[in-house]
C-alpha atoms as a PDB file:
ATOM      1  CA  MET A   1      -0.092  -0.371  -0.169  1.00  0.00           C
ATOM      2  CA  ALA A   2       1.618   3.221  -0.730  1.00  0.00           C
ATOM      3  CA  ASP A   3       2.319   5.741   1.970  1.00  0.00           C
ATOM      4  CA  ARG A   4       0.245   8.661   2.550  1.00  0.00           C
ATOM      5  CA  LEU A   5       1.241  11.820   1.362  1.00  0.00           C
ATOM      6  CA  ASP A   6      -0.670  15.152   4.115  1.00  0.00           C
ATOM      7  CA  LEU A   7      -1.710  17.821   1.554  1.00  0.00           C
ATOM      8  CA  TYR A   8      -1.573  21.637   2.603  1.00  0.00           C
ATOM      9  CA  PHE A   9      -3.701  24.599   1.295  1.00  0.00           C
ATOM     10  CA  ARG A  10      -3.330  27.956   1.579  1.00  0.00           C
ATOM     11  CA  ALA A  11      -6.298  30.114   0.859  1.00  0.00           C
ATOM     12  CA  HIS A  12      -8.058  33.806   1.040  1.00  0.00           C
ATOM     13  CA  THR A  13     -11.489  35.473   1.326  1.00  0.00           C
ATOM     14  CA  VAL A  14     -12.428  38.399  -0.909  1.00  0.00           C
ATOM     15  CA  PRO A  15     -14.759  40.537   0.425  1.00  0.00           C
ATOM     16  CA  LEU A  16     -18.129  40.347  -2.121  1.00  0.00           C
ATOM     17  CA  GLU A  17     -18.303  44.255  -2.503  1.00  0.00           C
ATOM     18  CA  PHE A  18     -14.504  44.753  -3.951  1.00  0.00           C
ATOM     19  CA  GLU A  19     -15.360  42.284  -5.818  1.00  0.00           C
ATOM     20  CA  LYS A  20     -17.950  43.752  -7.270  1.00  0.00           C
ATOM     21  CA  GLN A  21     -16.458  47.159  -7.800  1.00  0.00           C
ATOM     22  CA  ASP A  22     -13.579  45.848  -9.423  1.00  0.00           C
ATOM     23  CA  ARG A  23     -15.677  44.855 -11.228  1.00  0.00           C
ATOM     24  CA  ALA A  24     -17.363  48.286 -12.573  1.00  0.00           C
ATOM     25  CA  ASP A  25     -13.989  49.414 -12.665  1.00  0.00           C
ATOM     26  CA  ARG A  26     -12.937  47.139 -15.347  1.00  0.00           C
ATOM     27  CA  ARG A  27     -16.336  47.911 -17.535  1.00  0.00           C
ATOM     28  CA  SER A  28     -15.724  51.849 -17.451  1.00  0.00           C
ATOM     29  CA  LYS A  29     -12.332  51.572 -18.488  1.00  0.00           C
ATOM     30  CA  GLN A  30     -13.373  49.336 -21.593  1.00  0.00           C
ATOM     31  CA  PRO A  31     -12.509  51.263 -24.944  1.00  0.00           C
ATOM     32  CA  GLN A  32     -15.537  53.181 -26.458  1.00  0.00           C
ATOM     33  CA  GLU A  33     -13.524  53.424 -29.944  1.00  0.00           C
ATOM     34  CA  ALA A  34     -11.342  51.023 -32.195  1.00  0.00           C
ATOM     35  CA  LEU A  35      -9.306  50.891 -35.080  1.00  0.00           C
ATOM     36  CA  ILE A  36      -8.837  48.474 -37.073  1.00  0.00           C
ATOM     37  CA  PHE A  37      -6.042  47.987 -39.875  1.00  0.00           C
ATOM     38  CA  HIS A  38      -4.762  45.999 -42.383  1.00  0.00           C
ATOM     39  CA  SER A  39      -1.706  46.445 -45.120  1.00  0.00           C
ATOM     40  CA  VAL A  40      -0.674  44.409 -48.165  1.00  0.00           C
ATOM     41  CA  SER A  41       3.259  44.294 -48.254  1.00  0.00           C
ATOM     42  CA  THR A  42       5.615  43.631 -51.422  1.00  0.00           C
ATOM     43  CA  ALA A  43       6.321  40.092 -52.164  1.00  0.00           C
ATOM     44  CA  ASP A  44      10.247  40.235 -51.754  1.00  0.00           C
ATOM     45  CA  GLU A  45      12.005  39.490 -48.206  1.00  0.00           C
ATOM     46  CA  LYS A  46      11.670  43.521 -47.637  1.00  0.00           C
ATOM     47  CA  GLN A  47       7.791  43.321 -46.978  1.00  0.00           C
ATOM     48  CA  GLU A  48       7.500  46.760 -47.311  1.00  0.00           C
ATOM     49  CA  LEU A  49       4.029  48.280 -47.029  1.00  0.00           C
ATOM     50  CA  VAL A  50       2.169  48.734 -50.473  1.00  0.00           C
ATOM     51  CA  PHE A  51      -1.237  50.277 -49.140  1.00  0.00           C
ATOM     52  CA  GLY A  52      -3.568  49.142 -46.229  1.00  0.00           C
ATOM     53  CA  ALA A  53      -7.102  49.855 -45.471  1.00  0.00           C
ATOM     54  CA  TYR A  54      -9.002  50.588 -41.809  1.00  0.00           C
ATOM     55  CA  THR A  55     -11.770  51.176 -40.373  1.00  0.00           C
ATOM     56  CA  CYS A  56     -12.997  53.185 -37.250  1.00  0.00           C
ATOM     57  CA  ALA A  57     -15.282  52.042 -35.169  1.00  0.00           C
ATOM     58  CA  LYS A  58     -17.802  52.913 -31.464  1.00  0.00           C
ATOM     59  CA  LEU A  59     -19.601  50.773 -29.662  1.00  0.00           C
ATOM     60  CA  ASN A  60     -23.378  50.918 -29.100  1.00  0.00           C
ATOM     61  CA  ASP A  61     -25.050  48.325 -27.364  1.00  0.00           C
ATOM     62  CA  GLY A  62     -21.986  45.975 -27.066  1.00  0.00           C
ATOM     63  CA  LYS A  63     -21.044  46.259 -30.700  1.00  0.00           C
ATOM     64  CA  PHE A  64     -18.738  47.940 -32.346  1.00  0.00           C
ATOM     65  CA  THR A  65     -20.037  49.800 -35.530  1.00  0.00           C
ATOM     66  CA  VAL A  66     -18.440  51.648 -38.409  1.00  0.00           C
ATOM     67  CA  ASN A  67     -18.332  55.055 -38.489  1.00  0.00           C
ATOM     68  CA  GLU A  68     -14.948  55.957 -40.832  1.00  0.00           C
ATOM     69  CA  ILE A  69     -13.542  53.449 -43.224  1.00  0.00           C
ATOM     70  CA  GLY A  70     -10.211  54.119 -45.512  1.00  0.00           C
ATOM     71  CA  LEU A  71      -6.881  53.245 -47.412  1.00  0.00           C
ATOM     72  CA  PHE A  72      -3.937  54.850 -47.207  1.00  0.00           C
ATOM     73  CA  HIS A  73      -0.948  54.248 -49.755  1.00  0.00           C
ATOM     74  CA  ARG A  74       2.833  54.203 -50.297  1.00  0.00           C
ATOM     75  CA  ASP A  75       4.178  57.367 -51.617  1.00  0.00           C
ATOM     76  CA  GLY A  76       5.866  57.678 -55.248  1.00  0.00           C
ATOM     77  CA  ASN A  77       3.583  55.792 -57.176  1.00  0.00           C
ATOM     78  CA  PRO A  78       1.092  57.478 -59.955  1.00  0.00           C
ATOM     79  CA  ASP A  79      -0.135  54.268 -61.318  1.00  0.00           C
ATOM     80  CA  GLU A  80      -1.088  52.767 -57.783  1.00  0.00           C
ATOM     81  CA  LEU A  81      -2.550  56.613 -56.470  1.00  0.00           C
ATOM     82  CA  ARG A  82      -4.356  56.565 -60.130  1.00  0.00           C
ATOM     83  CA  VAL A  83      -6.092  53.413 -59.039  1.00  0.00           C
ATOM     84  CA  LEU A  84      -6.900  54.294 -55.728  1.00  0.00           C
ATOM     85  CA  LYS A  85      -8.685  57.479 -56.397  1.00  0.00           C
ATOM     86  CA  ARG A  86     -10.611  55.544 -59.123  1.00  0.00           C
ATOM     87  CA  PHE A  87     -11.807  53.259 -56.741  1.00  0.00           C
ATOM     88  CA  VAL A  88     -12.911  56.157 -54.078  1.00  0.00           C
ATOM     89  CA  ASN A  89     -14.476  58.465 -56.315  1.00  0.00           C
ATOM     90  CA  GLY A  90     -18.003  59.100 -55.503  1.00  0.00           C
ATOM     91  CA  SER A  91     -17.848  57.010 -52.621  1.00  0.00           C
ATOM     92  CA  ALA A  92     -17.528  57.809 -48.894  1.00  0.00           C
ATOM     93  CA  PHE A  93     -13.884  56.158 -48.406  1.00  0.00           C
ATOM     94  CA  GLU A  94     -11.245  58.122 -46.866  1.00  0.00           C
ATOM     95  CA  LEU A  95      -8.154  58.237 -49.015  1.00  0.00           C
ATOM     96  CA  GLY A  96      -4.254  59.064 -47.807  1.00  0.00           C
ATOM     97  CA  THR A  97      -0.850  58.195 -47.685  1.00  0.00           C
ATOM     98  CA  VAL A  98       0.403  55.948 -44.849  1.00  0.00           C
ATOM     99  CA  GLU A  99       2.193  59.442 -43.217  1.00  0.00           C
ATOM    100  CA  LYS A 100      -1.249  60.844 -42.655  1.00  0.00           C
ATOM    101  CA  PHE A 101      -2.703  57.574 -41.352  1.00  0.00           C
ATOM    102  CA  ARG A 102       0.016  57.271 -39.036  1.00  0.00           C
ATOM    103  CA  ARG A 103      -0.370  61.076 -37.676  1.00  0.00           C
ATOM    104  CA  LYS A 104      -4.398  61.278 -38.222  1.00  0.00           C
ATOM    105  CA  VAL A 105      -5.582  58.071 -37.326  1.00  0.00           C
ATOM    106  CA  PHE A 106      -2.956  55.266 -35.846  1.00  0.00           C
ATOM    107  CA  LEU A 107      -1.651  57.666 -33.427  1.00  0.00           C
ATOM    108  CA  LYS A 108      -4.645  59.428 -32.592  1.00  0.00           C
ATOM    109  CA  TYR A 109      -6.538  56.796 -31.528  1.00  0.00           C
ATOM    110  CA  LEU A 110      -2.796  55.041 -29.615  1.00  0.00           C
ATOM    111  CA  LYS A 111      -2.908  58.326 -27.242  1.00  0.00           C
ATOM    112  CA  ALA A 112      -6.180  58.374 -26.557  1.00  0.00           C
ATOM    113  CA  GLY A 113      -6.803  54.243 -25.495  1.00  0.00           C
ATOM    114  CA  ALA A 114      -8.800  53.424 -27.839  1.00  0.00           C
ATOM    115  CA  LEU A 115      -8.665  49.780 -28.817  1.00  0.00           C
ATOM    116  CA  ILE A 116      -6.091  49.101 -31.727  1.00  0.00           C
ATOM    117  CA  LEU A 117      -6.805  45.383 -32.815  1.00  0.00           C
ATOM    118  CA  GLY A 118      -5.867  43.308 -36.426  1.00  0.00           C
ATOM    119  CA  TYR A 119      -4.809  40.066 -37.360  1.00  0.00           C
ATOM    120  CA  ASP A 120      -0.954  39.567 -36.941  1.00  0.00           C
ATOM    121  CA  MET A 121      -0.805  42.840 -35.067  1.00  0.00           C
ATOM    122  CA  PRO A 122       3.077  42.907 -34.457  1.00  0.00           C
ATOM    123  CA  PHE A 123       3.126  42.204 -38.467  1.00  0.00           C
ATOM    124  CA  GLN A 124       0.579  44.977 -39.198  1.00  0.00           C
ATOM    125  CA  ILE A 125       2.221  47.713 -36.443  1.00  0.00           C
ATOM    126  CA  SER A 126       6.156  46.692 -37.877  1.00  0.00           C
ATOM    127  CA  ARG A 127       4.952  47.777 -41.984  1.00  0.00           C
ATOM    128  CA  ILE A 128       3.725  51.409 -40.276  1.00  0.00           C
ATOM    129  CA  ALA A 129       6.616  52.368 -38.184  1.00  0.00           C
ATOM    130  CA  VAL A 130       9.222  54.588 -40.177  1.00  0.00           C
ATOM    131  CA  LYS A 131      11.750  53.449 -37.398  1.00  0.00           C
ATOM    132  CA  TRP A 132      12.224  50.422 -35.457  1.00  0.00           C
ATOM    133  CA  ASN A 133      15.436  48.841 -33.448  1.00  0.00           C
ATOM    134  CA  LYS A 134      15.767  46.037 -30.997  1.00  0.00           C
ATOM    135  CA  SER A 135      14.663  47.067 -27.523  1.00  0.00           C
ATOM    136  CA  PHE A 136      17.331  48.288 -25.041  1.00  0.00           C
ATOM    137  CA  LYS A 137      16.033  46.572 -22.451  1.00  0.00           C
ATOM    138  CA  ARG A 138      13.972  43.709 -23.303  1.00  0.00           C
ATOM    139  CA  ARG A 139      15.730  40.879 -24.731  1.00  0.00           C
ATOM    140  CA  ARG A 140      12.548  39.417 -27.095  1.00  0.00           C
ATOM    141  CA  ALA A 141      11.195  42.894 -27.692  1.00  0.00           C
ATOM    142  CA  PHE A 142      11.115  45.241 -30.712  1.00  0.00           C
ATOM    143  CA  SER A 143      11.010  49.341 -30.383  1.00  0.00           C
ATOM    144  CA  PHE A 144       8.512  50.807 -33.397  1.00  0.00           C
ATOM    145  CA  TYR A 145       8.619  54.340 -33.713  1.00  0.00           C
ATOM    146  CA  PHE A 146       5.846  56.572 -35.825  1.00  0.00           C
ATOM    147  CA  ARG A 147       7.676  60.234 -35.928  1.00  0.00           C
ATOM    148  CA  VAL A 148      10.680  61.009 -36.489  1.00  0.00           C
ATOM    149  CA  PHE A 149      13.076  64.337 -36.739  1.00  0.00           C
ATOM    150  CA  ARG A 150      16.143  65.148 -38.125  1.00  0.00           C
ATOM    151  CA  ASP A 151      18.684  66.109 -34.802  1.00  0.00           C
ATOM    152  CA  LYS A 152      20.409  69.204 -36.226  1.00  0.00           C
ATOM    153  CA  LYS A 153      23.730  68.174 -34.381  1.00  0.00           C
ATOM    154  CA  THR A 154      24.555  65.532 -35.995  1.00  0.00           C
ATOM    155  CA  GLY A 155      21.889  65.135 -38.989  1.00  0.00           C
ATOM    156  CA  LYS A 156      20.820  62.025 -37.810  1.00  0.00           C
ATOM    157  CA  LEU A 157      16.741  61.452 -38.280  1.00  0.00           C
ATOM    158  CA  ARG A 158      16.109  60.266 -34.107  1.00  0.00           C
ATOM    159  CA  PRO A 159      11.973  59.044 -33.072  1.00  0.00           C
ATOM    160  CA  SER A 160      10.094  61.858 -31.820  1.00  0.00           C
ATOM    161  CA  GLY A 161      10.126  62.009 -28.132  1.00  0.00           C
ATOM    162  CA  PHE A 162       6.762  64.076 -28.133  1.00  0.00           C
ATOM    163  CA  GLU A 163       5.013  60.938 -29.760  1.00  0.00           C
ATOM    164  CA  PRO A 164       4.389  57.560 -28.664  1.00  0.00           C
ATOM    165  CA  GLY A 165       6.040  54.039 -29.601  1.00  0.00           C
ATOM    166  CA  LEU A 166       5.493  50.917 -29.006  1.00  0.00           C
ATOM    167  CA  SER A 167       7.592  48.267 -27.897  1.00  0.00           C
ATOM    168  CA  ILE A 168       6.490  44.480 -28.664  1.00  0.00           C
ATOM    169  CA  GLU A 169       7.778  41.608 -27.052  1.00  0.00           C
ATOM    170  CA  SER A 170       7.015  38.266 -28.757  1.00  0.00           C
ATOM    171  CA  ILE A 171       6.051  35.035 -26.497  1.00  0.00           C
ATOM    172  CA  ASP A 172       5.682  32.974 -28.821  1.00  0.00           C
ATOM    173  CA  ALA A 173       4.220  32.580 -32.980  1.00  0.00           C
ATOM    174  CA  SER A 174       0.803  34.148 -31.378  1.00  0.00           C
ATOM    175  CA  LYS A 175       0.908  35.872 -28.234  1.00  0.00           C
ATOM    176  CA  ALA A 176       2.782  39.236 -27.901  1.00  0.00           C
ATOM    177  CA  ILE A 177       3.466  41.882 -24.959  1.00  0.00           C
ATOM    178  CA  TYR A 178       2.603  45.241 -26.151  1.00  0.00           C
ATOM    179  CA  ARG A 179       4.277  48.553 -24.289  1.00  0.00           C
ATOM    180  CA  LEU A 180       3.945  51.753 -24.698  1.00  0.00           C
ATOM    181  CA  ILE A 181       6.929  53.909 -24.628  1.00  0.00           C
ATOM    182  CA  LYS A 182       8.734  57.311 -25.380  1.00  0.00           C
ATOM    183  CA  TYR A 183      11.953  57.901 -26.650  1.00  0.00           C
ATOM    184  CA  LYS A 184      14.868  59.625 -24.590  1.00  0.00           C
ATOM    185  CA  PHE A 185      18.099  61.164 -26.291  1.00  0.00           C
ATOM    186  CA  ARG A 186      20.811  61.864 -23.333  1.00  0.00           C
ATOM    187  CA  ALA A 187      24.012  63.315 -24.025  1.00  0.00           C
ATOM    188  CA  GLY A 188      27.068  61.410 -25.688  1.00  0.00           C
ATOM    189  CA  ASP A 189      24.271  60.016 -28.729  1.00  0.00           C
ATOM    190  CA  ALA A 190      23.238  57.632 -26.036  1.00  0.00           C
ATOM    191  CA  ASP A 191      19.537  56.494 -26.727  1.00  0.00           C
ATOM    192  CA  ARG A 192      17.181  54.996 -24.594  1.00  0.00           C
ATOM    193  CA  GLU A 193      13.707  54.130 -23.944  1.00  0.00           C
ATOM    194  CA  GLU A 194      11.212  54.383 -21.279  1.00  0.00           C
ATOM    195  CA  GLU A 195       8.562  52.259 -21.076  1.00  0.00           C
ATOM    196  CA  GLN A 196       5.254  54.232 -19.812  1.00  0.00           C
ATOM    197  CA  GLN A 197       4.184  52.304 -16.642  1.00  0.00           C
ATOM    198  CA  PHE A 198       0.780  53.275 -15.967  1.00  0.00           C
ATOM    199  CA  SER A 199      -0.121  53.852 -19.861  1.00  0.00           C
ATOM    200  CA  ASN A 200      -3.773  53.253 -20.976  1.00  0.00           C
ATOM    201  CA  ILE A 201      -2.951  50.639 -24.199  1.00  0.00           C
ATOM    202  CA  HIS A 202      -5.567  48.414 -25.295  1.00  0.00           C
ATOM    203  CA  ILE A 203      -4.254  46.516 -28.246  1.00  0.00           C
ATOM    204  CA  LEU A 204      -5.909  43.373 -29.368  1.00  0.00           C
ATOM    205  CA  ASP A 205      -4.416  40.377 -31.988  1.00  0.00           C
ATOM    206  CA  LEU A 206      -7.345  38.719 -33.635  1.00  0.00           C
ATOM    207  CA  LYS A 207      -4.727  36.198 -34.005  1.00  0.00           C
ATOM    208  CA  THR A 208      -4.043  35.614 -30.304  1.00  0.00           C
ATOM    209  CA  LEU A 209      -7.702  35.636 -29.827  1.00  0.00           C
ATOM    210  CA  THR A 210      -8.780  32.945 -32.159  1.00  0.00           C
ATOM    211  CA  ALA A 211      -5.862  30.743 -31.058  1.00  0.00           C
ATOM    212  CA  VAL A 212      -6.824  31.120 -27.634  1.00  0.00           C
ATOM    213  CA  LEU A 213     -11.146  30.394 -28.191  1.00  0.00           C
ATOM    214  CA  THR A 214      -9.899  27.172 -30.514  1.00  0.00           C
ATOM    215  CA  GLY A 215      -6.346  26.161 -29.646  1.00  0.00           C
ATOM    216  CA  GLU A 216      -5.225  26.614 -32.864  1.00  0.00           C
ATOM    217  CA  THR A 217      -3.577  28.848 -35.073  1.00  0.00           C
ATOM    218  CA  TYR A 218      -5.526  29.793 -37.869  1.00  0.00           C
ATOM    219  CA  SER A 219      -4.113  32.314 -41.150  1.00  0.00           C
ATOM    220  CA  LEU A 220      -6.316  35.441 -41.237  1.00  0.00           C
ATOM    221  CA  GLN A 221      -9.115  33.353 -44.102  1.00  0.00           C
ATOM    222  CA  SER A 222      -8.895  30.362 -42.290  1.00  0.00           C
ATOM    223  CA  ALA A 223     -10.310  32.099 -38.987  1.00  0.00           C
ATOM    224  CA  LEU A 224     -13.038  33.994 -40.599  1.00  0.00           C
ATOM    225  CA  GLU A 225     -14.231  30.931 -42.110  1.00  0.00           C
ATOM    226  CA  VAL A 226     -14.056  28.931 -39.006  1.00  0.00           C
ATOM    227  CA  PHE A 227     -16.175  31.909 -36.836  1.00  0.00           C
ATOM    228  CA  GLY A 228     -18.629  32.516 -40.031  1.00  0.00           C
ATOM    229  CA  ALA A 229     -17.065  35.960 -40.832  1.00  0.00           C
ATOM    230  CA  PRO A 230     -17.445  37.396 -44.007  1.00  0.00           C
ATOM    231  CA  ALA A 231     -14.902  35.967 -46.042  1.00  0.00           C
ATOM    232  CA  SER A 232     -13.005  36.528 -49.576  1.00  0.00           C
ATOM    233  CA  TRP A 233     -13.083  33.964 -52.713  1.00  0.00           C
ATOM    234  CA  THR A 234      -9.632  33.701 -52.797  1.00  0.00           C
ATOM    235  CA  ARG A 235      -7.190  32.748 -50.251  1.00  0.00           C
ATOM    236  CA  LYS A 236      -4.282  35.058 -51.657  1.00  0.00           C
ATOM    237  CA  LEU A 237      -4.211  38.628 -51.557  1.00  0.00           C
ATOM    238  CA  ARG A 238      -1.564  40.258 -54.545  1.00  0.00           C
ATOM    239  CA  SER A 239       0.819  42.554 -53.493  1.00  0.00           C
ATOM    240  CA  ARG A 240      -0.161  45.241 -56.780  1.00  0.00           C
ATOM    241  CA  VAL A 241      -3.052  47.959 -56.281  1.00  0.00           C
ATOM    242  CA  THR A 242      -5.995  46.485 -58.937  1.00  0.00           C
ATOM    243  CA  LYS A 243      -9.309  46.959 -58.226  1.00  0.00           C
ATOM    244  CA  PRO A 244      -9.700  43.462 -56.804  1.00  0.00           C
ATOM    245  CA  ALA A 245      -6.978  43.684 -54.780  1.00  0.00           C
ATOM    246  CA  ILE A 246      -8.568  46.845 -52.729  1.00  0.00           C
ATOM    247  CA  GLU A 247     -12.174  44.907 -52.673  1.00  0.00           C
ATOM    248  CA  TYR A 248     -10.333  41.796 -51.198  1.00  0.00           C
ATOM    249  CA  LEU A 249      -8.345  44.069 -48.482  1.00  0.00           C
ATOM    250  CA  LEU A 250     -11.742  45.642 -47.533  1.00  0.00           C
ATOM    251  CA  ARG A 251     -13.375  42.870 -47.273  1.00  0.00           C
ATOM    252  CA  ASN A 252     -10.634  41.557 -44.830  1.00  0.00           C
ATOM    253  CA  VAL A 253     -11.090  44.623 -42.259  1.00  0.00           C
ATOM    254  CA  THR A 254     -14.659  43.557 -42.258  1.00  0.00           C
ATOM    255  CA  GLY A 255     -14.354  40.434 -41.665  1.00  0.00           C
ATOM    256  CA  GLU A 256     -11.773  41.242 -38.409  1.00  0.00           C
ATOM    257  CA  LEU A 257     -14.528  43.678 -37.056  1.00  0.00           C
ATOM    258  CA  GLU A 258     -17.072  40.888 -36.847  1.00  0.00           C
ATOM    259  CA  LEU A 259     -14.580  38.345 -35.573  1.00  0.00           C
ATOM    260  CA  LEU A 260     -14.534  41.224 -32.906  1.00  0.00           C
ATOM    261  CA  ASN A 261     -18.140  41.879 -32.205  1.00  0.00           C
ATOM    262  CA  PRO A 262     -20.025  38.946 -30.159  1.00  0.00           C
ATOM    263  CA  PRO A 263     -22.243  36.665 -32.376  1.00  0.00           C
ATOM    264  CA  VAL A 264     -25.777  37.428 -33.072  1.00  0.00           C
ATOM    265  CA  PRO A 265     -27.851  35.003 -30.789  1.00  0.00           C
END
């Protein structure tokens, strides 16, 4: 007969009224606005941004509804711009450069503490960043910045110390930790970054969400099919600005919004 082993447990009680108040506080801090964006990159090893789509939504009766939808593009290609202008002509779609999207949309929502989401967010965020580097503090993290200026003394481009950046620390293929950071410059050309300890940041990777709910890691199109969200009829998004590619991208953004919203009973 096996020897008996004693088991020891420790427990503590939580006053019910404190728990209720804590839940109320969490509800009051739920973001009321959301930004969803998705980008198309080149097919080479650099995977530079070609164009992208975004939608801004507001929370109404527990569901996010669209109040703005738009497209953004890289500079320097008049043929691509011509196709995009023709597509949005006579529609309610906004159109601007990726720089305008960074300043007027992305940074605005980031600083406001809105919910920012998409599929494979580390990749999506890296496509719109203007500067990146290995984190100075965390071994598995990279720092991304969205505004730069030219230092008058050295002539180097440096991240703006007045706009937030993002530190993204990878956990595995579908999960990461996001932290707000500020760029700090010290004498002697020493670059530093300062984490915002009490930052109001809400970034949701839908790839992480679907993996947590199912235990499987899906591509965006597979996730849309599994959860019954609107999906495109083709699985391949070409890295060229064409009408079918724009329509495909907009369906992706719409599908990501449906992944965020609870299913209709």
